[in-house]
């Protein structure tokens, strides 16, 4: 039988319930002894048996995990309670804590059935001891059952609301951490780009000019002092060395994933080739327009969007062919990834983290990357119609240097 997952009960409430059962059993025995009832010994034996059966339940982990085990234990406990109720009418008071135990361990439908059965048994037992049935005999157990059901339902509703708020707080905390990490990464990339640009525009250009000037001076010195010529050559060599170091520095700060390929078009072609080899798909990359060197943030975002879109297509779409197109359109650059896979309904996509196994972040992350650079991302799909992902980013003013595709 399928294991159940009862709503956890606070230790204080559980302890109070145990004390209530113990007190009611003690009350039944005390009254039987005090009134010198003819069956006092039987009452004592039945109370001890019920107490022992009740004590065994919390000690068995299977009672908490399995509906079948809980039902068996509750059945034995109920039979012991009926024996106690047979010997003394004071056993009727135990029905109240039994209501809570039944509602806690059993699914709601079964729990309500158990509560109703226990209520009927309590009314019948008390009426049998009193040789008749009156309205208070019926009203008391019924009200007790109603109070128990209302209390348990209210507690479960509060617990679910508390858990929902806890999950929301966890999600907000995770979102804040992701946002902080994204802002940090964006700041690092922006600073890398700024440093690389400054070095390229100042130090590297200056050293290059020094090298050219010293080379010209070297050619004009044949009739001058050998000592001066040596100094010029040393200065020129120092300029050459520093220029190489500056270029190495710029290269080291190139965004990850683009360093090996050398440019965004080359990195996208390499990504398509790797995906095709790994998954046996026909993945084709094409470049439209005249390629230009974009800032590091734009190139990194487009590469990451392409990686995420291809990963989603392979994992969820089961396509046989994927077309990736990078288009340079003057003031904008567009990236389109189109596959012939199974497709999906974009309206039914789970929110981030609420998909199977905690998934659902892919599309949200791609949109966030595009929005962070004042761009946009559009997803078009339908079941059985494949999927198209289109990301468009603005080209910053002054970005005019052409690169090789």
Protein backbone atom coordinates (compact mmCIF):
# COMPACT_ATOMS: atom_id res chain seq x y z
CA UNK A 1 0.00 0.00 0.00
CA UNK A 2 1.27 3.51 -0.75
CA UNK A 3 2.98 5.17 2.20
CA UNK A 4 1.32 8.23 3.63
CA UNK A 5 2.92 11.48 4.64
CA UNK A 6 1.00 12.75 7.68
CA UNK A 7 1.20 16.42 8.51
CA UNK A 8 3.91 16.71 11.20
CA UNK A 9 2.65 17.38 14.72
CA UNK A 10 4.57 19.58 17.12
CA UNK A 11 6.16 17.62 20.01
CA UNK A 12 4.19 19.69 22.55
CA UNK A 13 0.87 18.76 20.95
CA UNK A 14 1.89 15.12 20.71
CA UNK A 15 2.91 15.12 24.35
CA UNK A 16 -0.40 16.68 25.39
CA UNK A 17 -2.30 13.99 23.46
CA UNK A 18 -0.31 11.22 25.20
CA UNK A 19 -0.98 12.78 28.60
CA UNK A 20 -4.69 13.05 27.79
CA UNK A 21 -4.89 9.34 26.92
CA UNK A 22 -3.01 8.42 30.09
CA UNK A 23 -5.21 10.66 32.23
CA UNK A 24 -8.46 9.27 30.78
CA UNK A 25 -7.31 5.67 31.30
CA UNK A 26 -6.32 6.55 34.87
CA UNK A 27 -9.70 8.20 35.42
CA UNK A 28 -11.56 5.11 34.25
CA UNK A 29 -9.53 2.84 36.56
CA UNK A 30 -9.76 5.25 39.52
CA UNK A 31 -13.53 5.52 39.30
CA UNK A 32 -13.95 1.78 38.96
CA UNK A 33 -11.80 1.19 42.06
CA UNK A 34 -13.30 4.08 44.05
CA UNK A 35 -16.86 2.95 43.39
CA UNK A 36 -15.91 -0.66 44.17
CA UNK A 37 -17.30 -1.71 40.81
CA UNK A 38 -17.75 -5.48 40.44
CA UNK A 39 -15.59 -5.49 37.32
CA UNK A 40 -12.81 -3.21 38.61
CA UNK A 41 -10.18 -5.84 37.84
CA UNK A 42 -11.42 -6.19 34.26
CA UNK A 43 -11.41 -2.42 33.86
CA UNK A 44 -7.83 -2.26 35.14
CA UNK A 45 -6.71 -5.03 32.75
CA UNK A 46 -8.47 -3.44 29.78
CA UNK A 47 -7.00 0.01 30.58
CA UNK A 48 -3.49 -1.43 30.85
CA UNK A 49 -3.94 -3.27 27.55
CA UNK A 50 -5.16 -0.12 25.79
CA UNK A 51 -2.28 1.86 27.27
CA UNK A 52 0.27 -0.66 26.07
CA UNK A 53 -1.24 -0.84 22.59
CA UNK A 54 -1.29 2.93 22.41
CA UNK A 55 2.35 3.15 23.55
CA UNK A 56 3.49 0.70 20.85
CA UNK A 57 2.22 2.87 17.98
CA UNK A 58 4.60 5.86 18.27
CA UNK A 59 7.51 3.43 18.74
CA UNK A 60 6.88 1.80 15.34
CA UNK A 61 8.22 3.88 12.40
CA UNK A 62 6.03 1.94 9.97
CA UNK A 63 2.90 3.33 11.64
CA UNK A 64 3.98 6.84 10.60
CA UNK A 65 5.05 5.86 7.09
CA UNK A 66 2.49 3.28 5.95
CA UNK A 67 -1.27 3.58 5.73
CA UNK A 68 -1.63 -0.19 6.07
CA UNK A 69 0.45 -0.33 9.25
CA UNK A 70 -1.41 2.64 10.70
CA UNK A 71 -4.78 1.04 9.90
CA UNK A 72 -3.77 -2.25 11.55
CA UNK A 73 -2.54 -0.50 14.68
CA UNK A 74 -5.65 1.69 14.89
CA UNK A 75 -7.87 -1.38 14.46
CA UNK A 76 -6.14 -3.19 17.36
CA UNK A 77 -6.31 -0.02 19.46
CA UNK A 78 -10.00 0.38 18.64
CA UNK A 79 -10.74 -3.22 19.64
CA UNK A 80 -8.96 -2.68 22.96
CA UNK A 81 -10.98 0.50 23.49
CA UNK A 82 -14.24 -1.37 22.79
CA UNK A 83 -13.29 -3.94 25.45
CA UNK A 84 -12.69 -1.10 27.93
CA UNK A 85 -15.99 0.53 26.90
CA UNK A 86 -17.73 -2.81 27.48
CA UNK A 87 -16.57 -2.90 31.12
CA UNK A 88 -17.02 0.80 31.97
CA UNK A 89 -18.95 3.75 30.50
CA UNK A 90 -15.96 5.97 31.34
CA UNK A 91 -14.23 4.47 28.31
CA UNK A 92 -16.35 6.76 26.14
CA UNK A 93 -14.02 9.67 26.93
CA UNK A 94 -11.16 7.95 25.10
CA UNK A 95 -13.05 8.46 21.84
CA UNK A 96 -11.94 12.11 21.77
CA UNK A 97 -8.14 11.50 21.58
CA UNK A 98 -8.84 8.55 19.24
CA UNK A 99 -10.43 11.01 16.81
CA UNK A 100 -7.20 13.00 16.59
CA UNK A 101 -5.02 9.92 16.12
CA UNK A 102 -7.26 8.56 13.35
CA UNK A 103 -7.38 11.86 11.48
CA UNK A 104 -3.62 12.28 11.77
CA UNK A 105 -2.52 8.84 10.57
CA UNK A 106 -5.16 8.03 7.93
CA UNK A 107 -5.99 9.77 4.64
CA UNK A 108 -8.83 12.23 5.15
CA UNK A 109 -11.55 10.02 3.63
CA UNK A 110 -10.52 7.01 5.71
CA UNK A 111 -9.99 9.19 8.75
CA UNK A 112 -13.52 10.60 8.58
CA UNK A 113 -14.89 7.07 8.20
CA UNK A 114 -12.94 5.93 11.27
CA UNK A 115 -14.16 8.95 13.26
CA UNK A 116 -17.77 8.26 12.29
CA UNK A 117 -17.42 4.58 13.25
CA UNK A 118 -15.84 5.48 16.60
CA UNK A 119 -18.62 8.01 17.27
CA UNK A 120 -21.33 5.42 16.62
CA UNK A 121 -19.53 2.91 18.85
CA UNK A 122 -19.20 5.47 21.64
CA UNK A 123 -22.92 6.34 21.47
CA UNK A 124 -23.94 2.67 21.37
CA UNK A 125 -21.63 1.72 24.27
CA UNK A 126 -22.80 4.55 26.48
CA UNK A 127 -26.47 3.84 25.67
CA UNK A 128 -25.93 0.16 26.52
CA UNK A 129 -24.53 1.06 29.95
CA UNK A 130 -27.41 3.50 30.60
CA UNK A 131 -30.11 1.12 29.36
CA UNK A 132 -31.45 3.72 26.98
CA UNK A 133 -30.64 6.37 24.42
CA UNK A 134 -31.12 10.10 25.03
CA UNK A 135 -30.30 13.22 23.03
CA UNK A 136 -27.29 14.21 25.23
CA UNK A 137 -25.80 10.73 24.68
CA UNK A 138 -25.81 11.36 20.92
CA UNK A 139 -24.94 15.05 21.03
CA UNK A 140 -21.82 14.68 23.20
CA UNK A 141 -19.82 12.27 20.98
CA UNK A 142 -21.03 14.00 17.81
CA UNK A 143 -19.86 17.39 19.04
CA UNK A 144 -16.56 15.87 20.15
CA UNK A 145 -16.04 14.37 16.71
CA UNK A 146 -16.94 17.67 15.02
CA UNK A 147 -14.49 19.60 17.21
CA UNK A 148 -11.73 17.08 16.47
CA UNK A 149 -12.35 17.22 12.70
CA UNK A 150 -12.46 21.02 12.67
CA UNK A 151 -9.27 21.23 14.77
CA UNK A 152 -7.34 18.82 12.56
CA UNK A 153 -8.50 20.47 9.34
CA UNK A 154 -7.59 23.89 10.70
CA UNK A 155 -4.17 22.68 11.81
CA UNK A 156 -3.50 21.10 8.41
CA UNK A 157 -4.54 24.29 6.62
CA UNK A 158 -2.22 26.37 8.83
CA UNK A 159 0.62 23.91 8.25
CA UNK A 160 0.18 23.99 4.48
CA UNK A 161 0.10 27.79 4.51
CA UNK A 162 3.23 27.83 6.66
CA UNK A 163 4.99 25.43 4.29
CA UNK A 164 3.94 27.52 1.29
CA UNK A 165 5.36 30.63 2.93
CA UNK A 166 8.56 28.78 3.84
CA UNK A 167 9.00 27.62 0.24
CA UNK A 168 8.30 31.15 -0.99
CA UNK A 169 10.92 32.55 1.38
CA UNK A 170 13.41 29.90 0.21
CA UNK A 171 12.68 30.77 -3.42
CA UNK A 172 13.05 34.50 -2.72
CA UNK A 173 16.31 33.85 -0.90
CA UNK A 174 17.58 31.75 -3.79
CA UNK A 175 16.41 34.37 -6.29
CA UNK A 176 18.23 37.12 -4.35
CA UNK A 177 21.37 34.99 -4.28
CA UNK A 178 21.09 34.33 -8.03
CA UNK A 179 20.49 38.02 -8.69
CA UNK A 180 23.49 38.99 -6.58
CA UNK A 181 25.62 36.42 -8.39
CA UNK A 182 24.36 37.65 -11.77
CA UNK A 183 25.07 41.27 -10.82
CA UNK A 184 28.52 40.28 -9.62
CA UNK A 185 29.20 38.36 -12.83
CA UNK A 186 27.91 41.25 -14.91
CA UNK A 187 30.11 43.67 -12.99
CA UNK A 188 33.14 41.43 -13.44
CA UNK A 189 32.50 41.11 -17.18
CA UNK A 190 31.98 44.86 -17.53
CA UNK A 191 35.17 45.56 -15.62
CA UNK A 192 37.07 43.02 -17.73
CA UNK A 193 35.78 44.66 -20.88
CA UNK A 194 36.69 48.13 -19.61
CA UNK A 195 40.20 47.08 -18.62
CA UNK A 196 40.79 45.27 -21.89
CA UNK A 197 39.55 48.29 -23.86
CA UNK A 198 41.65 50.71 -21.86
CA UNK A 199 44.78 48.59 -22.27
CA UNK A 200 44.12 48.16 -25.96
CA UNK A 201 43.46 51.86 -26.55
CA UNK A 202 46.28 53.22 -24.37
CA UNK A 203 49.09 50.91 -23.31
CA UNK A 204 49.10 48.63 -26.33
CA UNK A 205 48.75 51.48 -28.81
CA UNK A 206 51.45 53.48 -27.04
CA UNK A 207 53.90 50.60 -27.01
CA UNK A 208 53.17 49.94 -30.66
CA UNK A 209 53.97 53.57 -31.48
CA UNK A 210 57.19 53.37 -29.47
CA UNK A 211 58.23 50.33 -31.42
CA UNK A 212 57.60 52.05 -34.76
CA UNK A 213 59.45 55.21 -33.70
CA UNK A 214 62.46 53.29 -32.41
CA UNK A 215 62.59 51.23 -35.56
CA UNK A 216 62.70 54.44 -37.60
CA UNK A 217 65.40 55.85 -35.32
CA UNK A 218 67.39 52.66 -35.70
CA UNK A 219 67.36 53.03 -39.46
CA UNK A 220 68.52 56.67 -39.19
CA UNK A 221 71.51 55.95 -36.93
CA UNK A 222 74.09 54.14 -39.08
CA UNK A 223 76.39 57.16 -38.97
CA UNK A 224 75.94 57.79 -35.24
CA UNK A 225 77.51 56.33 -32.15
CA UNK A 226 77.39 52.59 -31.60
CA UNK A 227 76.48 53.28 -27.97
CA UNK A 228 73.39 55.27 -28.96
CA UNK A 229 72.42 52.55 -31.39
CA UNK A 230 72.64 49.96 -28.57
CA UNK A 231 70.38 52.02 -26.34
CA UNK A 232 67.85 52.42 -29.12
CA UNK A 233 67.85 48.70 -29.76
CA UNK A 234 67.37 47.97 -26.05
CA UNK A 235 64.47 50.41 -25.87
CA UNK A 236 62.92 48.87 -28.94
CA UNK A 237 63.24 45.38 -27.45
CA UNK A 238 61.63 46.57 -24.21
CA UNK A 239 58.74 48.03 -26.21
CA UNK A 240 58.36 44.73 -28.09
CA UNK A 241 58.30 42.77 -24.83
CA UNK A 242 55.78 45.11 -23.20
CA UNK A 243 53.54 45.04 -26.26
CA UNK A 244 53.50 41.24 -26.14
CA UNK A 245 52.66 41.35 -22.42
CA UNK A 246 49.84 43.84 -22.99
CA UNK A 247 48.36 41.68 -25.73
CA UNK A 248 48.59 38.62 -23.46
CA UNK A 249 46.78 40.57 -20.74
CA UNK A 250 43.98 41.50 -23.12
CA UNK A 251 43.73 37.89 -24.32
CA UNK A 252 43.54 36.54 -20.74
CA UNK A 253 40.57 38.79 -19.99
CA UNK A 254 38.60 37.51 -22.97
CA UNK A 255 35.21 36.12 -21.77
CA UNK A 256 35.16 32.34 -21.09
CA UNK A 257 33.88 30.24 -23.99
CA UNK A 258 34.99 32.75 -26.60
CA UNK A 259 38.71 32.63 -25.92
CA UNK A 260 39.41 29.40 -27.79
CA UNK A 261 37.19 30.17 -30.78
CA UNK A 262 38.39 33.76 -31.02
CA UNK A 263 35.01 35.27 -32.07
CA UNK A 264 31.29 34.80 -31.46
CA UNK A 265 30.55 33.34 -34.93
CA UNK A 266 33.37 30.83 -34.56
CA UNK A 267 32.25 29.93 -31.01
CA UNK A 268 28.67 29.31 -32.21
CA UNK A 269 29.87 27.13 -35.10
CA UNK A 270 32.04 25.15 -32.70
CA UNK A 271 29.07 24.77 -30.30
CA UNK A 272 26.87 23.43 -33.13
CA UNK A 273 29.56 21.00 -34.25
CA UNK A 274 30.07 19.71 -30.71
CA UNK A 275 26.31 19.26 -30.21
CA UNK A 276 25.94 17.45 -33.51
CA UNK A 277 28.79 15.06 -32.69
CA UNK A 278 27.56 14.39 -29.15
CA UNK A 279 23.90 13.70 -29.96
CA UNK A 280 23.92 12.61 -33.59
CA UNK A 281 21.79 15.53 -34.80
CA UNK A 282 22.00 17.72 -37.86
CA UNK A 283 22.95 21.05 -36.27
CA UNK A 284 23.77 23.82 -38.75
CA UNK A 285 25.08 27.31 -37.98
CA UNK A 286 24.94 30.22 -40.41
CA UNK A 287 26.02 33.86 -40.20
CA UNK A 288 24.03 36.64 -41.82
CA UNK A 289 25.36 40.14 -42.39
CA UNK A 290 28.82 41.55 -41.73
CA UNK A 291 30.22 40.25 -38.41
CA UNK A 292 31.39 42.92 -35.97
CA UNK A 293 33.17 42.58 -32.66
CA UNK A 294 30.55 43.05 -29.94
CA UNK A 295 31.25 43.95 -26.31
CA UNK A 296 32.06 40.98 -24.10
CA UNK A 297 28.71 41.12 -22.28
CA UNK A 298 26.71 40.83 -25.53
CA UNK A 299 28.84 38.03 -26.95
CA UNK A 300 28.73 36.08 -23.69
CA UNK A 301 24.94 36.48 -23.41
CA UNK A 302 24.35 35.28 -26.99
CA UNK A 303 26.65 32.30 -26.51
CA UNK A 304 24.93 31.33 -23.26
CA UNK A 305 21.46 31.67 -24.84
CA UNK A 306 22.56 29.44 -27.71
CA UNK A 307 23.92 26.85 -25.28
CA UNK A 308 20.68 26.87 -23.24
CA UNK A 309 18.43 26.70 -26.32
CA UNK A 310 20.37 23.78 -27.80
CA UNK A 311 20.36 21.99 -24.44
CA UNK A 312 16.58 22.44 -24.13
CA UNK A 313 16.04 21.19 -27.68
CA UNK A 314 18.13 18.07 -27.12
CA UNK A 315 16.70 17.32 -23.67
CA UNK A 316 13.01 18.02 -24.28
CA UNK A 317 12.34 18.36 -28.03
CA UNK A 318 14.00 15.24 -29.49
CA UNK A 319 14.67 16.99 -32.81
CA UNK A 320 16.41 15.57 -35.86
CA UNK A 321 17.60 18.95 -37.12
CA UNK A 322 18.44 22.31 -35.56
CA UNK A 323 19.18 25.54 -37.45
CA UNK A 324 21.12 28.32 -35.68
CA UNK A 325 21.40 31.72 -37.36
CA UNK A 326 23.37 34.72 -36.12
CA UNK A 327 22.31 37.90 -37.93
CA UNK A 328 24.16 41.22 -37.83
CA UNK A 329 21.60 43.88 -38.71
CA UNK A 330 23.39 47.16 -38.14
CA UNK A 331 21.87 48.47 -34.92
CA UNK A 332 20.83 45.01 -33.69
CA UNK A 333 22.19 41.48 -33.61
CA UNK A 334 19.76 38.54 -33.63
CA UNK A 335 20.19 34.89 -32.72
CA UNK A 336 17.60 32.37 -33.96
CA UNK A 337 17.52 28.68 -32.97
CA UNK A 338 14.87 26.62 -34.76
CA UNK A 339 14.32 22.87 -34.33
CA UNK A 340 11.88 20.31 -35.75
CA UNK A 341 11.29 18.58 -32.40
CA UNK A 342 8.11 17.71 -30.52
CA UNK A 343 7.45 21.29 -29.43
CA UNK A 344 5.37 22.38 -26.43
CA UNK A 345 2.75 24.88 -25.28
CA UNK A 346 4.62 27.97 -23.97
CA UNK A 347 1.58 28.84 -21.83
CA UNK A 348 1.98 25.60 -19.86
CA UNK A 349 5.68 26.01 -19.00
CA UNK A 350 6.22 25.57 -15.25
CA UNK A 351 7.55 28.56 -13.29
CA UNK A 352 11.28 28.47 -12.44
CA UNK A 353 12.10 25.59 -10.09
CA UNK A 354 8.60 24.03 -10.26
CA UNK A 355 9.18 21.67 -13.16
CA UNK A 356 10.04 17.98 -12.76
CA UNK A 357 13.07 17.52 -10.44
CA UNK A 358 13.16 21.20 -9.71
CA UNK A 359 13.66 22.30 -13.35
CA UNK A 360 12.09 25.22 -15.25
CA UNK A 361 14.87 27.82 -15.08
CA UNK A 362 16.05 27.59 -18.74
CA UNK A 363 13.64 29.95 -20.51
CA UNK A 364 13.56 32.35 -17.56
CA UNK A 365 17.35 32.56 -17.52
CA UNK A 366 17.51 33.21 -21.28
CA UNK A 367 14.92 35.99 -21.01
CA UNK A 368 16.78 37.50 -18.06
CA UNK A 369 20.05 37.57 -20.02
CA UNK A 370 18.36 39.33 -22.94
CA UNK A 371 16.54 41.86 -20.73
CA UNK A 372 19.74 42.67 -18.81
CA UNK A 373 21.21 44.02 -22.08
CA UNK A 374 18.02 45.87 -23.15
CA UNK A 375 17.20 43.06 -25.55
CA UNK A 376 14.29 40.67 -25.97
CA UNK A 377 13.73 36.94 -26.28
CA UNK A 378 10.72 35.36 -27.99
CA UNK A 379 9.77 31.68 -27.93
CA UNK A 380 7.33 30.24 -30.49
CA UNK A 381 6.25 26.61 -30.26
CA UNK A 382 3.31 24.25 -30.39
CA UNK A 383 2.93 20.52 -29.71
CA UNK A 384 4.29 18.63 -32.71
CA UNK A 385 5.37 21.83 -34.50
CA UNK A 386 8.95 22.28 -33.25
CA UNK A 387 10.34 25.28 -31.40
CA UNK A 388 11.83 28.63 -32.43
CA UNK A 389 13.85 30.79 -30.02
CA UNK A 390 14.74 34.32 -31.15
CA UNK A 391 16.99 36.63 -29.12
CA UNK A 392 17.63 40.21 -30.21
CA UNK A 393 20.18 42.55 -28.63
CA UNK A 394 20.98 46.16 -29.54
CA UNK A 395 24.47 46.87 -30.86
CA UNK A 396 26.15 49.58 -28.73
CA UNK A 397 27.04 52.74 -30.56
CA UNK A 398 30.60 52.82 -31.86
CA UNK A 399 30.82 49.05 -32.41
CA UNK A 400 32.05 48.99 -36.00
CA UNK A 401 35.12 46.76 -36.10
CA UNK A 402 34.58 43.85 -38.46
CA UNK A 403 35.79 40.37 -37.51
CA UNK A 404 36.33 37.15 -39.40
CA UNK A 405 33.54 34.58 -39.20
